[in-house]
Amino acid sequence: MSVTNAQEQITQTLLSWQGVSAHPHRFGGTEYRLGQRELGHIHDDHLVDIPFPSRVRDEIIATGRVKPHHILPESGWVSFYLNHPEDIGYATDLLRRSYEIALTHYARRAKELNPGE
């Protein structure tokens, strides 16, 4: 199943976040990045894949709404299938969490590289 215009809506939302860019994904669809870090990607209007640290991945999968990645189930990646229009909001929330983790990562790295600032 898929949700009409899901990719377009999700892309429009993510591009409104500071520093996020969209690129063609190597396996089809659209990939979202903050700098060089991938926040996740969407395949057409039906599947969103998002990387998380393992503990966050486990927490999200425990909700029952998200599955382990459809190809790499033992990785930190999750897969979320878009079946209903309201799934767009949940997918965006998951991508927002990935974005916030990336922001924290970049802030930590900047502090390590510039400890006096």
Protein backbone atom coordinates (compact mmCIF):
# COMPACT_ATOMS: atom_id res chain seq x y z
CA MET A 1 0.00 0.00 0.00
CA SER A 2 1.07 3.63 -0.29
CA VAL A 3 -0.11 7.13 0.59
CA THR A 4 -0.57 9.51 -2.33
CA ASN A 5 1.93 12.39 -2.28
CA ALA A 6 3.62 11.15 0.90
CA GLN A 7 7.11 11.63 -0.52
CA GLU A 8 6.29 15.16 -1.64
CA GLN A 9 4.79 16.12 1.73
CA ILE A 10 7.63 14.61 3.75
CA THR A 11 10.25 16.22 1.52
CA GLN A 12 8.59 19.63 1.82
CA THR A 13 8.53 19.34 5.62
CA LEU A 14 12.13 18.18 5.96
CA LEU A 15 13.46 20.87 3.64
CA SER A 16 11.95 23.45 6.01
CA TRP A 17 14.34 22.27 8.75
CA GLN A 18 17.61 24.16 8.98
CA GLY A 19 20.47 22.49 7.13
CA VAL A 20 18.48 19.61 5.62
CA SER A 21 18.98 18.75 1.97
CA ALA A 22 17.33 16.18 -0.30
CA HIS A 23 19.18 13.95 -2.78
CA PRO A 24 18.35 10.97 -5.00
CA HIS A 25 18.81 7.78 -3.00
CA ARG A 26 21.05 5.12 -4.53
CA PHE A 27 18.27 2.50 -4.36
CA GLY A 28 15.53 4.86 -5.52
CA GLY A 29 13.52 7.50 -3.75
CA THR A 30 14.74 10.55 -1.87
CA GLU A 31 17.48 10.70 0.77
CA TYR A 32 17.51 13.41 3.45
CA ARG A 33 20.79 14.67 4.90
CA LEU A 34 22.09 17.07 7.49
CA GLY A 35 25.56 17.85 6.17
CA GLN A 36 26.93 14.50 5.06
CA ARG A 37 24.88 12.52 7.59
CA GLU A 38 21.84 10.69 6.27
CA LEU A 39 18.71 11.26 8.35
CA GLY A 40 16.72 8.66 6.41
CA HIS A 41 15.15 8.11 3.03
CA ILE A 42 11.80 7.42 1.44
CA HIS A 43 10.99 5.00 -1.34
CA ASP A 44 8.17 6.48 -3.39
CA ASP A 45 5.03 6.94 -1.28
CA HIS A 46 5.20 3.71 0.69
CA LEU A 47 8.38 3.11 2.74
CA VAL A 48 10.60 5.24 4.98
CA ASP A 49 13.96 3.89 6.24
CA ILE A 50 15.69 5.70 9.11
CA PRO A 51 18.98 5.07 10.96
CA PHE A 52 19.11 5.27 14.75
CA PRO A 53 21.53 4.34 17.50
CA SER A 54 20.71 0.78 18.62
CA ARG A 55 19.06 1.76 21.91
CA VAL A 56 16.76 4.25 20.14
CA ARG A 57 16.02 1.69 17.41
CA ASP A 58 15.01 -0.87 20.04
CA GLU A 59 12.77 1.66 21.80
CA ILE A 60 11.04 2.62 18.55
CA ILE A 61 10.54 -0.98 17.44
CA ALA A 62 9.04 -1.81 20.85
CA THR A 63 6.14 0.52 20.01
CA GLY A 64 5.03 -2.00 17.39
CA ARG A 65 4.50 0.67 14.71
CA VAL A 66 7.95 0.33 13.19
CA LYS A 67 9.78 -2.73 11.91
CA PRO A 68 13.48 -3.60 11.85
CA HIS A 69 14.97 -2.59 8.50
CA HIS A 70 13.49 -4.71 5.72
CA ILE A 71 16.93 -5.76 4.40
CA LEU A 72 19.30 -5.16 7.35
CA PRO A 73 17.20 -6.19 10.37
CA GLU A 74 20.16 -6.41 12.75
CA SER A 75 21.36 -2.87 11.99
CA GLY A 76 20.27 0.36 13.70
CA TRP A 77 17.96 1.07 10.77
CA VAL A 78 14.17 0.87 10.96
CA SER A 79 11.54 0.63 8.23
CA PHE A 80 8.16 2.33 8.45
CA TYR A 81 5.49 1.51 5.90
CA LEU A 82 3.09 4.26 4.90
CA ASN A 83 -0.41 2.78 4.76
CA HIS A 84 -2.67 5.66 5.86
CA PRO A 85 -2.49 9.45 5.45
CA GLU A 86 -1.83 9.90 9.19
CA ASP A 87 1.34 7.82 8.78
CA ILE A 88 2.96 10.84 7.12
CA GLY A 89 2.94 12.68 10.45
CA TYR A 90 4.43 9.72 12.30
CA ALA A 91 7.13 9.28 9.63
CA THR A 92 7.96 12.97 9.94
CA ASP A 93 8.18 12.60 13.73
CA LEU A 94 10.62 9.72 13.34
CA LEU A 95 12.71 11.69 10.87
CA ARG A 96 12.64 14.66 13.28
CA ARG A 97 14.09 12.41 15.97
CA SER A 98 16.86 11.36 13.58
CA TYR A 99 17.45 15.06 12.81
CA GLU A 100 17.71 15.94 16.50
CA ILE A 101 20.18 13.11 17.08
CA ALA A 102 22.25 14.41 14.15
CA LEU A 103 22.19 17.96 15.56
CA THR A 104 23.40 16.66 18.92
CA HIS A 105 26.15 14.71 17.18
CA TYR A 106 27.33 17.78 15.26
CA ALA A 107 27.24 19.97 18.39
CA ARG A 108 29.30 17.40 20.30
CA ARG A 109 31.84 17.17 17.47
CA ALA A 110 32.14 20.95 17.26
CA LYS A 111 32.79 21.12 21.00
CA GLU A 112 35.47 18.43 20.73
CA LEU A 113 37.16 20.25 17.86
CA ASN A 114 36.90 23.67 19.55
CA PRO A 115 37.04 22.98 23.31
CA GLY A 116 37.64 26.64 24.25
CA GLU A 117 34.47 27.97 22.62
